[in-house]
Amino acid sequence: MEDGELSIDGQSRPAGNIEIREYEDGEWMGGSYATYDNLVEKVKEALEDES
């Protein structure tokens, strides 16, 4: 993410410096933010939602 970039809602600062976007049929449906400390955990969460 770029410095000063707002979160997905366009109003607040993101909770982490890495953005994980979730797409369904090519449309952005959601996602989450991660830091380097919790990145692996957040990726696992995103992949578990797929099953």
PDB file of N, CA and C in Angstrom:
ATOM      1  N   MET A   1       0.840  -1.169   0.000  1.00  0.00           N
ATOM      2  CA  MET A   1       0.000   0.000   0.000  1.00  0.00           C
ATOM      3  C   MET A   1       0.889   1.237   0.000  1.00  0.00           C
ATOM      4  N   GLU A   2       0.377   2.288  -0.566  1.00  0.00           N
ATOM      5  CA  GLU A   2       1.104   3.551  -0.617  1.00  0.00           C
ATOM      6  C   GLU A   2       0.931   4.310   0.690  1.00  0.00           C
ATOM      7  N   ASP A   3       1.904   5.139   1.036  1.00  0.00           N
ATOM      8  CA  ASP A   3       1.786   5.988   2.222  1.00  0.00           C
ATOM      9  C   ASP A   3       0.576   6.900   2.086  1.00  0.00           C
ATOM     10  N   GLY A   4      -0.218   6.999   3.137  1.00  0.00           N
ATOM     11  CA  GLY A   4      -1.383   7.869   3.147  1.00  0.00           C
ATOM     12  C   GLY A   4      -2.616   7.285   2.484  1.00  0.00           C
ATOM     13  N   GLU A   5      -2.518   6.086   1.925  1.00  0.00           N
ATOM     14  CA  GLU A   5      -3.664   5.464   1.260  1.00  0.00           C
ATOM     15  C   GLU A   5      -4.696   5.044   2.300  1.00  0.00           C
ATOM     16  N   LEU A   6      -5.975   5.260   1.988  1.00  0.00           N
ATOM     17  CA  LEU A   6      -7.047   4.911   2.913  1.00  0.00           C
ATOM     18  C   LEU A   6      -7.434   3.449   2.759  1.00  0.00           C
ATOM     19  N   SER A   7      -8.146   2.928   3.757  1.00  0.00           N
ATOM     20  CA  SER A   7      -8.567   1.528   3.735  1.00  0.00           C
ATOM     21  C   SER A   7      -9.677   1.313   2.713  1.00  0.00           C
ATOM     22  N   ILE A   8     -10.156   0.090   2.640  1.00  0.00           N
ATOM     23  CA  ILE A   8     -11.175  -0.299   1.677  1.00  0.00           C
ATOM     24  C   ILE A   8     -12.400   0.605   1.745  1.00  0.00           C
ATOM     25  N   ASP A   9     -12.789   1.043   2.945  1.00  0.00           N
ATOM     26  CA  ASP A   9     -13.979   1.892   3.078  1.00  0.00           C
ATOM     27  C   ASP A   9     -13.756   3.324   2.599  1.00  0.00           C
ATOM     28  N   GLY A  10     -12.509   3.676   2.293  1.00  0.00           N
ATOM     29  CA  GLY A  10     -12.204   4.999   1.785  1.00  0.00           C
ATOM     30  C   GLY A  10     -12.220   6.105   2.820  1.00  0.00           C
ATOM     31  N   GLN A  11     -12.359   5.755   4.105  1.00  0.00           N
ATOM     32  CA  GLN A  11     -12.483   6.763   5.148  1.00  0.00           C
ATOM     33  C   GLN A  11     -11.427   6.651   6.239  1.00  0.00           C
ATOM     34  N   SER A  12     -10.968   5.461   6.529  1.00  0.00           N
ATOM     35  CA  SER A  12     -10.047   5.271   7.655  1.00  0.00           C
ATOM     36  C   SER A  12      -8.704   4.727   7.174  1.00  0.00           C
ATOM     37  N   ARG A  13      -7.724   4.824   8.056  1.00  0.00           N
ATOM     38  CA  ARG A  13      -6.403   4.283   7.742  1.00  0.00           C
ATOM     39  C   ARG A  13      -6.440   2.760   7.906  1.00  0.00           C
ATOM     40  N   PRO A  14      -5.728   2.029   7.068  1.00  0.00           N
ATOM     41  CA  PRO A  14      -5.738   0.570   7.152  1.00  0.00           C
ATOM     42  C   PRO A  14      -5.088   0.048   8.427  1.00  0.00           C
ATOM     43  N   ALA A  15      -5.485  -1.149   8.818  1.00  0.00           N
ATOM     44  CA  ALA A  15      -4.978  -1.778  10.038  1.00  0.00           C
ATOM     45  C   ALA A  15      -3.628  -2.448   9.826  1.00  0.00           C
ATOM     46  N   GLY A  16      -3.134  -2.439   8.632  1.00  0.00           N
ATOM     47  CA  GLY A  16      -1.834  -3.026   8.327  1.00  0.00           C
ATOM     48  C   GLY A  16      -1.296  -2.454   7.033  1.00  0.00           C
ATOM     49  N   ASN A  17      -0.074  -2.758   6.713  1.00  0.00           N
ATOM     50  CA  ASN A  17       0.521  -2.200   5.508  1.00  0.00           C
ATOM     51  C   ASN A  17       0.456  -3.133   4.305  1.00  0.00           C
ATOM     52  N   ILE A  18      -0.170  -4.297   4.461  1.00  0.00           N
ATOM     53  CA  ILE A  18      -0.336  -5.253   3.370  1.00  0.00           C
ATOM     54  C   ILE A  18      -1.829  -5.495   3.184  1.00  0.00           C
ATOM     55  N   GLU A  19      -2.291  -5.348   1.954  1.00  0.00           N
ATOM     56  CA  GLU A  19      -3.713  -5.513   1.654  1.00  0.00           C
ATOM     57  C   GLU A  19      -3.941  -6.875   1.000  1.00  0.00           C
ATOM     58  N   ILE A  20      -4.902  -7.635   1.513  1.00  0.00           N
ATOM     59  CA  ILE A  20      -5.283  -8.919   0.932  1.00  0.00           C
ATOM     60  C   ILE A  20      -6.689  -8.740   0.376  1.00  0.00           C
ATOM     61  N   ARG A  21      -6.815  -8.779  -0.941  1.00  0.00           N
ATOM     62  CA  ARG A  21      -8.122  -8.579  -1.583  1.00  0.00           C
ATOM     63  C   ARG A  21      -8.714  -9.927  -1.972  1.00  0.00           C
ATOM     64  N   GLU A  22     -10.021 -10.053  -1.776  1.00  0.00           N
ATOM     65  CA  GLU A  22     -10.733 -11.275  -2.143  1.00  0.00           C
ATOM     66  C   GLU A  22     -11.661 -10.964  -3.312  1.00  0.00           C
ATOM     67  N   TYR A  23     -11.540 -11.778  -4.365  1.00  0.00           N
ATOM     68  CA  TYR A  23     -12.339 -11.592  -5.568  1.00  0.00           C
ATOM     69  C   TYR A  23     -13.236 -12.800  -5.787  1.00  0.00           C
ATOM     70  N   GLU A  24     -14.410 -12.532  -6.337  1.00  0.00           N
ATOM     71  CA  GLU A  24     -15.318 -13.598  -6.742  1.00  0.00           C
ATOM     72  C   GLU A  24     -15.825 -13.249  -8.126  1.00  0.00           C
ATOM     73  N   ASP A  25     -15.613 -14.145  -9.081  1.00  0.00           N
ATOM     74  CA  ASP A  25     -15.990 -13.911 -10.475  1.00  0.00           C
ATOM     75  C   ASP A  25     -15.431 -12.594 -10.995  1.00  0.00           C
ATOM     76  N   GLY A  26     -14.188 -12.287 -10.623  1.00  0.00           N
ATOM     77  CA  GLY A  26     -13.524 -11.088 -11.095  1.00  0.00           C
ATOM     78  C   GLY A  26     -13.936  -9.803 -10.412  1.00  0.00           C
ATOM     79  N   GLU A  27     -14.838  -9.873  -9.442  1.00  0.00           N
ATOM     80  CA  GLU A  27     -15.308  -8.684  -8.729  1.00  0.00           C
ATOM     81  C   GLU A  27     -14.726  -8.652  -7.321  1.00  0.00           C
ATOM     82  N   TRP A  28     -14.246  -7.505  -6.910  1.00  0.00           N
ATOM     83  CA  TRP A  28     -13.664  -7.325  -5.585  1.00  0.00           C
ATOM     84  C   TRP A  28     -14.772  -7.393  -4.552  1.00  0.00           C
ATOM     85  N   MET A  29     -14.722  -8.432  -3.696  1.00  0.00           N
ATOM     86  CA  MET A  29     -15.804  -8.678  -2.737  1.00  0.00           C
ATOM     87  C   MET A  29     -15.417  -8.368  -1.296  1.00  0.00           C
ATOM     88  N   GLY A  30     -14.153  -8.189  -1.020  1.00  0.00           N
ATOM     89  CA  GLY A  30     -13.737  -7.934   0.357  1.00  0.00           C
ATOM     90  C   GLY A  30     -12.265  -8.175   0.524  1.00  0.00           C
ATOM     91  N   GLY A  31     -11.878  -8.363   1.759  1.00  0.00           N
ATOM     92  CA  GLY A  31     -10.480  -8.616   2.042  1.00  0.00           C
ATOM     93  C   GLY A  31     -10.124  -8.214   3.454  1.00  0.00           C
ATOM     94  N   SER A  32      -8.841  -8.101   3.689  1.00  0.00           N
ATOM     95  CA  SER A  32      -8.374  -7.712   5.017  1.00  0.00           C
ATOM     96  C   SER A  32      -6.998  -7.081   4.889  1.00  0.00           C
ATOM     97  N   TYR A  33      -6.501  -6.618   6.002  1.00  0.00           N
ATOM     98  CA  TYR A  33      -5.177  -6.022   6.055  1.00  0.00           C
ATOM     99  C   TYR A  33      -4.304  -6.854   6.966  1.00  0.00           C
ATOM    100  N   ALA A  34      -3.022  -6.865   6.662  1.00  0.00           N
ATOM    101  CA  ALA A  34      -2.068  -7.631   7.459  1.00  0.00           C
ATOM    102  C   ALA A  34      -0.813  -6.805   7.688  1.00  0.00           C
ATOM    103  N   THR A  35      -0.079  -7.207   8.698  1.00  0.00           N
ATOM    104  CA  THR A  35       1.255  -6.664   8.941  1.00  0.00           C
ATOM    105  C   THR A  35       2.237  -7.790   8.644  1.00  0.00           C
ATOM    106  N   TYR A  36       3.500  -7.490   8.624  1.00  0.00           N
ATOM    107  CA  TYR A  36       4.485  -8.546   8.394  1.00  0.00           C
ATOM    108  C   TYR A  36       4.448  -9.580   9.517  1.00  0.00           C
ATOM    109  N   ASP A  37       4.050  -9.169  10.704  1.00  0.00           N
ATOM    110  CA  ASP A  37       3.998 -10.086  11.848  1.00  0.00           C
ATOM    111  C   ASP A  37       2.861 -11.102  11.745  1.00  0.00           C
ATOM    112  N   ASN A  38       1.730 -10.727  11.120  1.00  0.00           N
ATOM    113  CA  ASN A  38       0.593 -11.650  11.070  1.00  0.00           C
ATOM    114  C   ASN A  38       0.207 -12.043   9.639  1.00  0.00           C
ATOM    115  N   LEU A  39       1.093 -11.838   8.677  1.00  0.00           N
ATOM    116  CA  LEU A  39       0.774 -12.104   7.276  1.00  0.00           C
ATOM    117  C   LEU A  39       0.405 -13.561   7.022  1.00  0.00           C
ATOM    118  N   VAL A  40       1.183 -14.500   7.524  1.00  0.00           N
ATOM    119  CA  VAL A  40       0.910 -15.921   7.291  1.00  0.00           C
ATOM    120  C   VAL A  40      -0.461 -16.293   7.844  1.00  0.00           C
ATOM    121  N   GLU A  41      -0.773 -15.825   9.035  1.00  0.00           N
ATOM    122  CA  GLU A  41      -2.073 -16.105   9.652  1.00  0.00           C
ATOM    123  C   GLU A  41      -3.218 -15.552   8.794  1.00  0.00           C
ATOM    124  N   LYS A  42      -3.079 -14.342   8.281  1.00  0.00           N
ATOM    125  CA  LYS A  42      -4.132 -13.720   7.468  1.00  0.00           C
ATOM    126  C   LYS A  42      -4.319 -14.439   6.138  1.00  0.00           C
ATOM    127  N   VAL A  43      -3.227 -14.889   5.518  1.00  0.00           N
ATOM    128  CA  VAL A  43      -3.339 -15.628   4.262  1.00  0.00           C
ATOM    129  C   VAL A  43      -4.046 -16.954   4.505  1.00  0.00           C
ATOM    130  N   LYS A  44      -3.707 -17.643   5.601  1.00  0.00           N
ATOM    131  CA  LYS A  44      -4.391 -18.896   5.944  1.00  0.00           C
ATOM    132  C   LYS A  44      -5.883 -18.652   6.128  1.00  0.00           C
ATOM    133  N   GLU A  45      -6.259 -17.569   6.814  1.00  0.00           N
ATOM    134  CA  GLU A  45      -7.674 -17.237   7.015  1.00  0.00           C
ATOM    135  C   GLU A  45      -8.373 -17.038   5.673  1.00  0.00           C
ATOM    136  N   ALA A  46      -7.741 -16.317   4.765  1.00  0.00           N
ATOM    137  CA  ALA A  46      -8.343 -16.061   3.457  1.00  0.00           C
ATOM    138  C   ALA A  46      -8.525 -17.354   2.675  1.00  0.00           C
ATOM    139  N   LEU A  47      -7.556 -18.258   2.744  1.00  0.00           N
ATOM    140  CA  LEU A  47      -7.657 -19.521   2.023  1.00  0.00           C
ATOM    141  C   LEU A  47      -8.684 -20.455   2.649  1.00  0.00           C
ATOM    142  N   GLU A  48      -8.836 -20.427   3.957  1.00  0.00           N
ATOM    143  CA  GLU A  48      -9.835 -21.262   4.626  1.00  0.00           C
ATOM    144  C   GLU A  48     -11.243 -20.846   4.246  1.00  0.00           C
ATOM    145  N   ASP A  49     -11.472 -19.574   3.999  1.00  0.00           N
ATOM    146  CA  ASP A  49     -12.790 -19.091   3.595  1.00  0.00           C
ATOM    147  C   ASP A  49     -13.199 -19.635   2.242  1.00  0.00           C
ATOM    148  N   GLU A  50     -12.235 -20.035   1.426  1.00  0.00           N
ATOM    149  CA  GLU A  50     -12.502 -20.551   0.092  1.00  0.00           C
ATOM    150  C   GLU A  50     -13.089 -21.954   0.116  1.00  0.00           C
ATOM    151  N   SER A  51     -12.799 -22.730   1.144  1.00  0.00           N
ATOM    152  CA  SER A  51     -13.218 -24.140   1.153  1.00  0.00           C
ATOM    153  C   SER A  51     -14.604 -24.332   1.685  1.00  0.00           C
TER     154      SER A  51
END
